[in-house]
Amino acid sequence: GVGTNQIIYEFKDAALKLTVTPSVVGDGNLYLNMVVNKDSP
């Protein structure tokens, strides 16, 4: 931390995470930009 002997905590994610950005294409199809994370402690 800022002071002497001061400790603060930061938090990090350990999770299953799905991130997706879909785009509908004119012919009825889907374009998907995806990221899947499985982080474990």
All heavy atoms as atom14 arrays in JSON, in Angstrom:
{
  "sequence": "GVGTNQIIYEFKDAALKLTVTPSVVGDGNLYLNMVVNKDSP",
  "atom14_mask": [
    [1, 1, 1, 1, 0, 0, 0, 0, 0, 0, 0, 0, 0, 0],
    [1, 1, 1, 1, 1, 1, 1, 0, 0, 0, 0, 0, 0, 0],
    [1, 1, 1, 1, 0, 0, 0, 0, 0, 0, 0, 0, 0, 0],
    [1, 1, 1, 1, 1, 1, 1, 0, 0, 0, 0, 0, 0, 0],
    [1, 1, 1, 1, 1, 1, 1, 1, 0, 0, 0, 0, 0, 0],
    [1, 1, 1, 1, 1, 1, 1, 1, 1, 0, 0, 0, 0, 0],
    [1, 1, 1, 1, 1, 1, 1, 1, 0, 0, 0, 0, 0, 0],
    [1, 1, 1, 1, 1, 1, 1, 1, 0, 0, 0, 0, 0, 0],
    [1, 1, 1, 1, 1, 1, 1, 1, 1, 1, 1, 1, 0, 0],
    [1, 1, 1, 1, 1, 1, 1, 1, 1, 0, 0, 0, 0, 0],
    [1, 1, 1, 1, 1, 1, 1, 1, 1, 1, 1, 0, 0, 0],
    [1, 1, 1, 1, 1, 1, 1, 1, 1, 0, 0, 0, 0, 0],
    [1, 1, 1, 1, 1, 1, 1, 1, 0, 0, 0, 0, 0, 0],
    [1, 1, 1, 1, 1, 0, 0, 0, 0, 0, 0, 0, 0, 0],
    [1, 1, 1, 1, 1, 0, 0, 0, 0, 0, 0, 0, 0, 0],
    [1, 1, 1, 1, 1, 1, 1, 1, 0, 0, 0, 0, 0, 0],
    [1, 1, 1, 1, 1, 1, 1, 1, 1, 0, 0, 0, 0, 0],
    [1, 1, 1, 1, 1, 1, 1, 1, 0, 0, 0, 0, 0, 0],
    [1, 1, 1, 1, 1, 1, 1, 0, 0, 0, 0, 0, 0, 0],
    [1, 1, 1, 1, 1, 1, 1, 0, 0, 0, 0, 0, 0, 0],
    [1, 1, 1, 1, 1, 1, 1, 0, 0, 0, 0, 0, 0, 0],
    [1, 1, 1, 1, 1, 1, 1, 0, 0, 0, 0, 0, 0, 0],
    [1, 1, 1, 1, 1, 1, 0, 0, 0, 0, 0, 0, 0, 0],
    [1, 1, 1, 1, 1, 1, 1, 0, 0, 0, 0, 0, 0, 0],
    [1, 1, 1, 1, 1, 1, 1, 0, 0, 0, 0, 0, 0, 0],
    [1, 1, 1, 1, 0, 0, 0, 0, 0, 0, 0, 0, 0, 0],
    [1, 1, 1, 1, 1, 1, 1, 1, 0, 0, 0, 0, 0, 0],
    [1, 1, 1, 1, 0, 0, 0, 0, 0, 0, 0, 0, 0, 0],
    [1, 1, 1, 1, 1, 1, 1, 1, 0, 0, 0, 0, 0, 0],
    [1, 1, 1, 1, 1, 1, 1, 1, 0, 0, 0, 0, 0, 0],
    [1, 1, 1, 1, 1, 1, 1, 1, 1, 1, 1, 1, 0, 0],
    [1, 1, 1, 1, 1, 1, 1, 1, 0, 0, 0, 0, 0, 0],
    [1, 1, 1, 1, 1, 1, 1, 1, 0, 0, 0, 0, 0, 0],
    [1, 1, 1, 1, 1, 1, 1, 1, 0, 0, 0, 0, 0, 0],
    [1, 1, 1, 1, 1, 1, 1, 0, 0, 0, 0, 0, 0, 0],
    [1, 1, 1, 1, 1, 1, 1, 0, 0, 0, 0, 0, 0, 0],
    [1, 1, 1, 1, 1, 1, 1, 1, 0, 0, 0, 0, 0, 0],
    [1, 1, 1, 1, 1, 1, 1, 1, 1, 0, 0, 0, 0, 0],
    [1, 1, 1, 1, 1, 1, 1, 1, 0, 0, 0, 0, 0, 0],
    [1, 1, 1, 1, 1, 1, 0, 0, 0, 0, 0, 0, 0, 0],
    [1, 1, 1, 1, 1, 1, 1, 0, 0, 0, 0, 0, 0, 0]
  ],
  "atom14_positions": [
    [[0.83, -1.2, 0.0], [0.0, 0.0, 0.0], [0.86, 1.25, 0.0], [2.09, 1.21, -0.15], [0.0, 0.0, 0.0], [0.0, 0.0, 0.0], [0.0, 0.0, 0.0], [0.0, 0.0, 0.0], [0.0, 0.0, 0.0], [0.0, 0.0, 0.0], [0.0, 0.0, 0.0], [0.0, 0.0, 0.0], [0.0, 0.0, 0.0], [0.0, 0.0, 0.0]],
    [[0.23, 2.39, 0.2], [0.91, 3.68, 0.18], [1.76, 3.87, 1.43], [2.9, 4.29, 1.37], [-0.13, 4.83, 0.05], [0.55, 6.18, 0.09], [-0.94, 4.66, -1.22], [0.0, 0.0, 0.0], [0.0, 0.0, 0.0], [0.0, 0.0, 0.0], [0.0, 0.0, 0.0], [0.0, 0.0, 0.0], [0.0, 0.0, 0.0], [0.0, 0.0, 0.0]],
    [[1.23, 3.54, 2.6], [1.95, 3.74, 3.86], [2.88, 2.57, 4.17], [2.9, 1.56, 3.47], [0.0, 0.0, 0.0], [0.0, 0.0, 0.0], [0.0, 0.0, 0.0], [0.0, 0.0, 0.0], [0.0, 0.0, 0.0], [0.0, 0.0, 0.0], [0.0, 0.0, 0.0], [0.0, 0.0, 0.0], [0.0, 0.0, 0.0], [0.0, 0.0, 0.0]],
    [[3.66, 2.72, 5.24], [4.54, 1.64, 5.65], [3.71, 0.52, 6.28], [2.77, 0.76, 7.03], [5.58, 2.14, 6.68], [4.88, 2.7, 7.79], [6.5, 3.18, 6.07], [0.0, 0.0, 0.0], [0.0, 0.0, 0.0], [0.0, 0.0, 0.0], [0.0, 0.0, 0.0], [0.0, 0.0, 0.0], [0.0, 0.0, 0.0], [0.0, 0.0, 0.0]],
    [[4.09, -0.69, 5.97], [3.42, -1.9, 6.47], [1.93, -1.94, 6.14], [1.15, -2.57, 6.83], [3.6, -2.04, 7.98], [5.06, -2.25, 8.33], [5.82, -2.79, 7.53], [5.45, -1.82, 9.52], [0.0, 0.0, 0.0], [0.0, 0.0, 0.0], [0.0, 0.0, 0.0], [0.0, 0.0, 0.0], [0.0, 0.0, 0.0], [0.0, 0.0, 0.0]],
    [[1.54, -1.24, 5.11], [0.14, -1.28, 4.69], [0.02, -2.22, 3.5], [0.79, -2.13, 2.56], [-0.34, 0.12, 4.31], [-1.81, 0.15, 3.91], [-2.24, 1.52, 3.42], [-1.42, 2.39, 3.15], [-3.54, 1.71, 3.31], [0.0, 0.0, 0.0], [0.0, 0.0, 0.0], [0.0, 0.0, 0.0], [0.0, 0.0, 0.0], [0.0, 0.0, 0.0]],
    [[-0.94, -3.13, 3.58], [-1.17, -4.08, 2.48], [-2.61, -3.92, 2.02], [-3.54, -3.9, 2.81], [-0.92, -5.52, 2.95], [0.54, -5.71, 3.34], [-1.3, -6.51, 1.85], [0.86, -7.08, 3.88], [0.0, 0.0, 0.0], [0.0, 0.0, 0.0], [0.0, 0.0, 0.0], [0.0, 0.0, 0.0], [0.0, 0.0, 0.0], [0.0, 0.0, 0.0]],
    [[-2.74, -3.78, 0.71], [-4.07, -3.76, 0.11], [-4.18, -4.98, -0.79], [-3.17, -5.63, -1.11], [-4.33, -2.44, -0.66], [-3.28, -2.25, -1.77], [-4.37, -1.26, 0.27], [-3.56, -1.06, -2.66], [0.0, 0.0, 0.0], [0.0, 0.0, 0.0], [0.0, 0.0, 0.0], [0.0, 0.0, 0.0], [0.0, 0.0, 0.0], [0.0, 0.0, 0.0]],
    [[-5.38, -5.3, -1.2], [-5.6, -6.49, -2.0], [-6.19, -6.13, -3.36], [-7.09, -5.31, -3.45], [-6.53, -7.47, -1.28], [-5.87, -8.11, -0.08], [-5.97, -7.54, 1.18], [-5.13, -9.27, -0.23], [-5.36, -8.12, 2.27], [-4.52, -9.86, 0.86], [-4.64, -9.28, 2.1], [-4.02, -9.86, 3.18], [0.0, 0.0, 0.0], [0.0, 0.0, 0.0]],
    [[-5.63, -6.75, -4.39], [-6.21, -6.68, -5.73], [-6.81, -8.05, -6.03], [-6.28, -9.06, -5.59], [-5.13, -6.36, -6.77], [-4.61, -4.96, -6.71], [-3.58, -4.68, -7.79], [-3.24, -5.6, -8.57], [-3.11, -3.54, -7.86], [0.0, 0.0, 0.0], [0.0, 0.0, 0.0], [0.0, 0.0, 0.0], [0.0, 0.0, 0.0], [0.0, 0.0, 0.0]],
    [[-7.9, -8.05, -6.76], [-8.58, -9.31, -7.06], [-8.39, -9.67, -8.53], [-8.53, -8.83, -9.41], [-10.06, -9.2, -6.73], [-10.32, -9.14, -5.25], [-10.31, -7.92, -4.58], [-10.57, -10.29, -4.54], [-10.54, -7.87, -3.22], [-10.8, -10.25, -3.17], [-10.78, -9.04, -2.52], [0.0, 0.0, 0.0], [0.0, 0.0, 0.0], [0.0, 0.0, 0.0]],
    [[-8.06, -10.94, -8.77], [-7.9, -11.47, -10.13], [-8.98, -12.52, -10.36], [-9.28, -13.31, -9.47], [-6.53, -12.11, -10.31], [-5.37, -11.24, -9.94], [-4.91, -10.44, -11.09], [-3.68, -9.65, -10.64], [-3.16, -8.82, -11.61], [0.0, 0.0, 0.0], [0.0, 0.0, 0.0], [0.0, 0.0, 0.0], [0.0, 0.0, 0.0], [0.0, 0.0, 0.0]],
    [[-9.53, -12.54, -11.56], [-10.58, -13.51, -11.9], [-9.98, -14.87, -12.22], [-8.98, -14.97, -12.94], [-11.39, -13.04, -13.1], [-12.31, -11.89, -12.79], [-12.72, -11.78, -11.62], [-12.63, -11.11, -13.71], [0.0, 0.0, 0.0], [0.0, 0.0, 0.0], [0.0, 0.0, 0.0], [0.0, 0.0, 0.0], [0.0, 0.0, 0.0], [0.0, 0.0, 0.0]],
    [[-10.59, -15.91, -11.7], [-10.32, -17.29, -12.1], [-11.69, -17.85, -12.44], [-12.43, -18.28, -11.55], [-9.65, -18.07, -10.99], [0.0, 0.0, 0.0], [0.0, 0.0, 0.0], [0.0, 0.0, 0.0], [0.0, 0.0, 0.0], [0.0, 0.0, 0.0], [0.0, 0.0, 0.0], [0.0, 0.0, 0.0], [0.0, 0.0, 0.0], [0.0, 0.0, 0.0]],
    [[-12.06, -17.8, -13.72], [-13.44, -18.07, -14.08], [-13.54, -18.71, -15.46], [-12.61, -18.69, -16.25], [-14.23, -16.77, -14.07], [0.0, 0.0, 0.0], [0.0, 0.0, 0.0], [0.0, 0.0, 0.0], [0.0, 0.0, 0.0], [0.0, 0.0, 0.0], [0.0, 0.0, 0.0], [0.0, 0.0, 0.0], [0.0, 0.0, 0.0], [0.0, 0.0, 0.0]],
    [[-14.71, -19.26, -15.69], [-15.1, -19.69, -17.03], [-15.78, -18.49, -17.66], [-16.75, -17.95, -17.1], [-16.04, -20.89, -16.94], [-16.56, -21.43, -18.27], [-15.41, -21.97, -19.11], [-17.57, -22.52, -18.02], [0.0, 0.0, 0.0], [0.0, 0.0, 0.0], [0.0, 0.0, 0.0], [0.0, 0.0, 0.0], [0.0, 0.0, 0.0], [0.0, 0.0, 0.0]],
    [[-15.27, -18.04, -18.79], [-15.77, -16.81, -19.4], [-15.98, -17.0, -20.89], [-15.11, -17.52, -21.58], [-14.75, -15.69, -19.16], [-15.12, -14.36, -19.75], [-14.04, -13.34, -19.44], [-14.3, -12.0, -20.09], [-13.21, -11.05, -19.84], [0.0, 0.0, 0.0], [0.0, 0.0, 0.0], [0.0, 0.0, 0.0], [0.0, 0.0, 0.0], [0.0, 0.0, 0.0]],
    [[-17.15, -16.59, -21.36], [-17.47, -16.62, -22.78], [-17.71, -15.2, -23.24], [-18.53, -14.48, -22.68], [-18.73, -17.47, -23.03], [-19.36, -17.35, -24.42], [-18.45, -17.93, -25.49], [-20.72, -18.03, -24.46], [0.0, 0.0, 0.0], [0.0, 0.0, 0.0], [0.0, 0.0, 0.0], [0.0, 0.0, 0.0], [0.0, 0.0, 0.0], [0.0, 0.0, 0.0]],
    [[-16.96, -14.79, -24.26], [-17.14, -13.48, -24.88], [-17.44, -13.72, -26.36], [-16.66, -14.39, -27.04], [-15.86, -12.62, -24.75], [-15.49, -12.55, -23.38], [-16.08, -11.23, -25.29], [0.0, 0.0, 0.0], [0.0, 0.0, 0.0], [0.0, 0.0, 0.0], [0.0, 0.0, 0.0], [0.0, 0.0, 0.0], [0.0, 0.0, 0.0], [0.0, 0.0, 0.0]],
    [[-18.56, -13.19, -26.83], [-18.95, -13.42, -28.22], [-19.52, -12.14, -28.82], [-20.23, -11.39, -28.16], [-19.96, -14.59, -28.34], [-21.24, -14.29, -27.6], [-20.25, -14.94, -29.78], [0.0, 0.0, 0.0], [0.0, 0.0, 0.0], [0.0, 0.0, 0.0], [0.0, 0.0, 0.0], [0.0, 0.0, 0.0], [0.0, 0.0, 0.0], [0.0, 0.0, 0.0]],
    [[-19.15, -11.91, -30.08], [-19.71, -10.8, -30.85], [-20.29, -11.4, -32.13], [-19.54, -11.81, -33.02], [-18.64, -9.75, -31.2], [-18.0, -9.33, -30.0], [-19.25, -8.56, -31.91], [0.0, 0.0, 0.0], [0.0, 0.0, 0.0], [0.0, 0.0, 0.0], [0.0, 0.0, 0.0], [0.0, 0.0, 0.0], [0.0, 0.0, 0.0], [0.0, 0.0, 0.0]],
    [[-21.62, -11.48, -32.23], [-22.24, -12.07, -33.43], [-22.57, -11.01, -34.48], [-22.83, -9.85, -34.16], [-23.52, -12.68, -32.88], [-23.9, -11.75, -31.77], [-22.6, -11.27, -31.18], [0.0, 0.0, 0.0], [0.0, 0.0, 0.0], [0.0, 0.0, 0.0], [0.0, 0.0, 0.0], [0.0, 0.0, 0.0], [0.0, 0.0, 0.0], [0.0, 0.0, 0.0]],
    [[-22.53, -11.43, -35.73], [-22.97, -10.58, -36.84], [-23.85, -11.43, -37.74], [-23.44, -12.52, -38.16], [-21.79, -10.05, -37.65], [-20.99, -9.22, -36.86], [0.0, 0.0, 0.0], [0.0, 0.0, 0.0], [0.0, 0.0, 0.0], [0.0, 0.0, 0.0], [0.0, 0.0, 0.0], [0.0, 0.0, 0.0], [0.0, 0.0, 0.0], [0.0, 0.0, 0.0]],
    [[-25.05, -10.94, -38.02], [-25.95, -11.67, -38.91], [-25.59, -11.33, -40.34], [-25.54, -10.16, -40.72], [-27.43, -11.32, -38.62], [-28.35, -12.06, -39.57], [-27.77, -11.63, -37.17], [0.0, 0.0, 0.0], [0.0, 0.0, 0.0], [0.0, 0.0, 0.0], [0.0, 0.0, 0.0], [0.0, 0.0, 0.0], [0.0, 0.0, 0.0], [0.0, 0.0, 0.0]],
    [[-25.3, -12.37, -41.12], [-24.95, -12.2, -42.52], [-26.25, -12.29, -43.32], [-27.18, -12.98, -42.93], [-23.93, -13.28, -42.96], [-23.52, -13.09, -44.4], [-22.72, -13.26, -42.05], [0.0, 0.0, 0.0], [0.0, 0.0, 0.0], [0.0, 0.0, 0.0], [0.0, 0.0, 0.0], [0.0, 0.0, 0.0], [0.0, 0.0, 0.0], [0.0, 0.0, 0.0]],
    [[-26.31, -11.61, -44.46], [-27.54, -11.51, -45.24], [-28.2, -12.81, -45.63], [-29.4, -12.88, -45.78], [0.0, 0.0, 0.0], [0.0, 0.0, 0.0], [0.0, 0.0, 0.0], [0.0, 0.0, 0.0], [0.0, 0.0, 0.0], [0.0, 0.0, 0.0], [0.0, 0.0, 0.0], [0.0, 0.0, 0.0], [0.0, 0.0, 0.0], [0.0, 0.0, 0.0]],
    [[-27.44, -13.9, -45.78], [-28.03, -15.17, -46.22], [-28.53, -16.03, -45.06], [-28.79, -17.22, -45.23], [-27.03, -15.95, -47.07], [-25.73, -16.25, -46.34], [-25.58, -15.81, -45.19], [-24.87, -16.94, -46.93], [0.0, 0.0, 0.0], [0.0, 0.0, 0.0], [0.0, 0.0, 0.0], [0.0, 0.0, 0.0], [0.0, 0.0, 0.0], [0.0, 0.0, 0.0]],
    [[-28.66, -15.47, -43.86], [-29.18, -16.22, -42.72], [-28.11, -16.9, -41.88], [-28.43, -17.57, -40.91], [0.0, 0.0, 0.0], [0.0, 0.0, 0.0], [0.0, 0.0, 0.0], [0.0, 0.0, 0.0], [0.0, 0.0, 0.0], [0.0, 0.0, 0.0], [0.0, 0.0, 0.0], [0.0, 0.0, 0.0], [0.0, 0.0, 0.0], [0.0, 0.0, 0.0]],
    [[-26.86, -16.71, -42.25], [-25.77, -17.28, -41.46], [-25.31, -16.28, -40.4], [-25.67, -15.11, -40.43], [-24.59, -17.65, -42.36], [-24.92, -18.82, -43.27], [-25.68, -19.71, -42.91], [-24.34, -18.82, -44.46], [0.0, 0.0, 0.0], [0.0, 0.0, 0.0], [0.0, 0.0, 0.0], [0.0, 0.0, 0.0], [0.0, 0.0, 0.0], [0.0, 0.0, 0.0]],
    [[-24.52, -16.78, -39.47], [-23.98, -15.94, -38.41], [-22.46, -15.97, -38.45], [-21.85, -17.03, -38.6], [-24.42, -16.44, -37.03], [-25.9, -16.33, -36.73], [-26.26, -17.23, -35.57], [-26.23, -14.9, -36.42], [0.0, 0.0, 0.0], [0.0, 0.0, 0.0], [0.0, 0.0, 0.0], [0.0, 0.0, 0.0], [0.0, 0.0, 0.0], [0.0, 0.0, 0.0]],
    [[-21.86, -14.8, -38.33], [-20.41, -14.69, -38.18], [-20.17, -14.43, -36.7], [-20.69, -13.46, -36.13], [-19.86, -13.55, -39.03], [-18.39, -13.3, -38.82], [-17.44, -14.15, -39.35], [-17.97, -12.21, -38.06], [-16.09, -13.93, -39.14], [-16.62, -11.98, -37.85], [-15.69, -12.84, -38.4], [-14.35, -12.62, -38.18], [0.0, 0.0, 0.0], [0.0, 0.0, 0.0]],
    [[-19.39, -15.32, -36.03], [-19.15, -15.21, -34.6], [-17.67, -14.98, -34.33], [-16.83, -15.71, -34.83], [-19.59, -16.49, -33.88], [-21.05, -16.89, -34.03], [-21.29, -18.24, -33.39], [-21.95, -15.85, -33.41], [0.0, 0.0, 0.0], [0.0, 0.0, 0.0], [0.0, 0.0, 0.0], [0.0, 0.0, 0.0], [0.0, 0.0, 0.0], [0.0, 0.0, 0.0]],
    [[-17.39, -13.97, -33.53], [-16.04, -13.72, -33.03], [-16.09, -14.08, -31.55], [-16.74, -13.39, -30.77], [-15.67, -12.25, -33.25], [-14.23, -11.98, -32.89], [-13.49, -12.87, -32.49], [-13.83, -10.73, -33.03], [0.0, 0.0, 0.0], [0.0, 0.0, 0.0], [0.0, 0.0, 0.0], [0.0, 0.0, 0.0], [0.0, 0.0, 0.0], [0.0, 0.0, 0.0]],
    [[-15.4, -15.17, -31.15], [-15.55, -15.69, -29.8], [-14.22, -15.9, -29.1], [-13.22, -16.24, -29.73], [-16.27, -17.04, -29.84], [-17.64, -16.96, -30.42], [-18.56, -18.49, -30.32], [-17.37, -19.72, -30.5], [0.0, 0.0, 0.0], [0.0, 0.0, 0.0], [0.0, 0.0, 0.0], [0.0, 0.0, 0.0], [0.0, 0.0, 0.0], [0.0, 0.0, 0.0]],
    [[-14.27, -15.72, -27.78], [-13.14, -16.05, -26.9], [-13.74, -16.8, -25.71], [-14.66, -16.32, -25.07], [-12.39, -14.79, -26.41], [-11.25, -15.19, -25.48], [-11.89, -13.97, -27.57], [0.0, 0.0, 0.0], [0.0, 0.0, 0.0], [0.0, 0.0, 0.0], [0.0, 0.0, 0.0], [0.0, 0.0, 0.0], [0.0, 0.0, 0.0], [0.0, 0.0, 0.0]],
    [[-13.21, -18.0, -25.44], [-13.63, -18.79, -24.29], [-12.42, -18.99, -23.39], [-11.38, -19.48, -23.84], [-14.2, -20.16, -24.72], [-14.62, -20.97, -23.5], [-15.37, -19.98, -25.67], [0.0, 0.0, 0.0], [0.0, 0.0, 0.0], [0.0, 0.0, 0.0], [0.0, 0.0, 0.0], [0.0, 0.0, 0.0], [0.0, 0.0, 0.0], [0.0, 0.0, 0.0]],
    [[-12.55, -18.57, -22.13], [-11.48, -18.74, -21.13], [-11.96, -19.67, -20.04], [-13.08, -19.52, -19.57], [-11.11, -17.41, -20.47], [-10.52, -16.45, -21.43], [-11.23, -15.73, -22.09], [-9.21, -16.43, -21.5], [0.0, 0.0, 0.0], [0.0, 0.0, 0.0], [0.0, 0.0, 0.0], [0.0, 0.0, 0.0], [0.0, 0.0, 0.0], [0.0, 0.0, 0.0]],
    [[-11.11, -20.6, -19.64], [-11.38, -21.42, -18.45], [-10.16, -21.3, -17.57], [-9.18, -22.02, -17.72], [-11.66, -22.87, -18.79], [-12.02, -23.66, -17.54], [-12.28, -25.09, -17.8], [-12.68, -25.85, -16.57], [-11.96, -25.56, -15.37], [0.0, 0.0, 0.0], [0.0, 0.0, 0.0], [0.0, 0.0, 0.0], [0.0, 0.0, 0.0], [0.0, 0.0, 0.0]],
    [[-10.2, -20.35, -16.67], [-9.1, -20.11, -15.74], [-9.48, -20.71, -14.39], [-10.61, -20.53, -13.92], [-8.84, -18.61, -15.58], [-8.51, -17.95, -16.91], [-8.07, -18.66, -17.83], [-8.68, -16.73, -17.03], [0.0, 0.0, 0.0], [0.0, 0.0, 0.0], [0.0, 0.0, 0.0], [0.0, 0.0, 0.0], [0.0, 0.0, 0.0], [0.0, 0.0, 0.0]],
    [[-8.52, -21.4, -13.76], [-8.82, -22.02, -12.46], [-7.68, -21.71, -11.5], [-6.52, -21.62, -11.89], [-8.98, -23.53, -12.62], [-7.82, -24.1, -13.17], [0.0, 0.0, 0.0], [0.0, 0.0, 0.0], [0.0, 0.0, 0.0], [0.0, 0.0, 0.0], [0.0, 0.0, 0.0], [0.0, 0.0, 0.0], [0.0, 0.0, 0.0], [0.0, 0.0, 0.0]],
    [[-8.02, -21.56, -10.21], [-6.98, -21.26, -9.23], [-6.14, -22.48, -8.91], [-6.64, -23.6, -8.87], [-7.77, -20.8, -8.0], [-9.13, -21.37, -8.17], [-9.36, -21.54, -9.63], [0.0, 0.0, 0.0], [0.0, 0.0, 0.0], [0.0, 0.0, 0.0], [0.0, 0.0, 0.0], [0.0, 0.0, 0.0], [0.0, 0.0, 0.0], [0.0, 0.0, 0.0]]
  ]
}
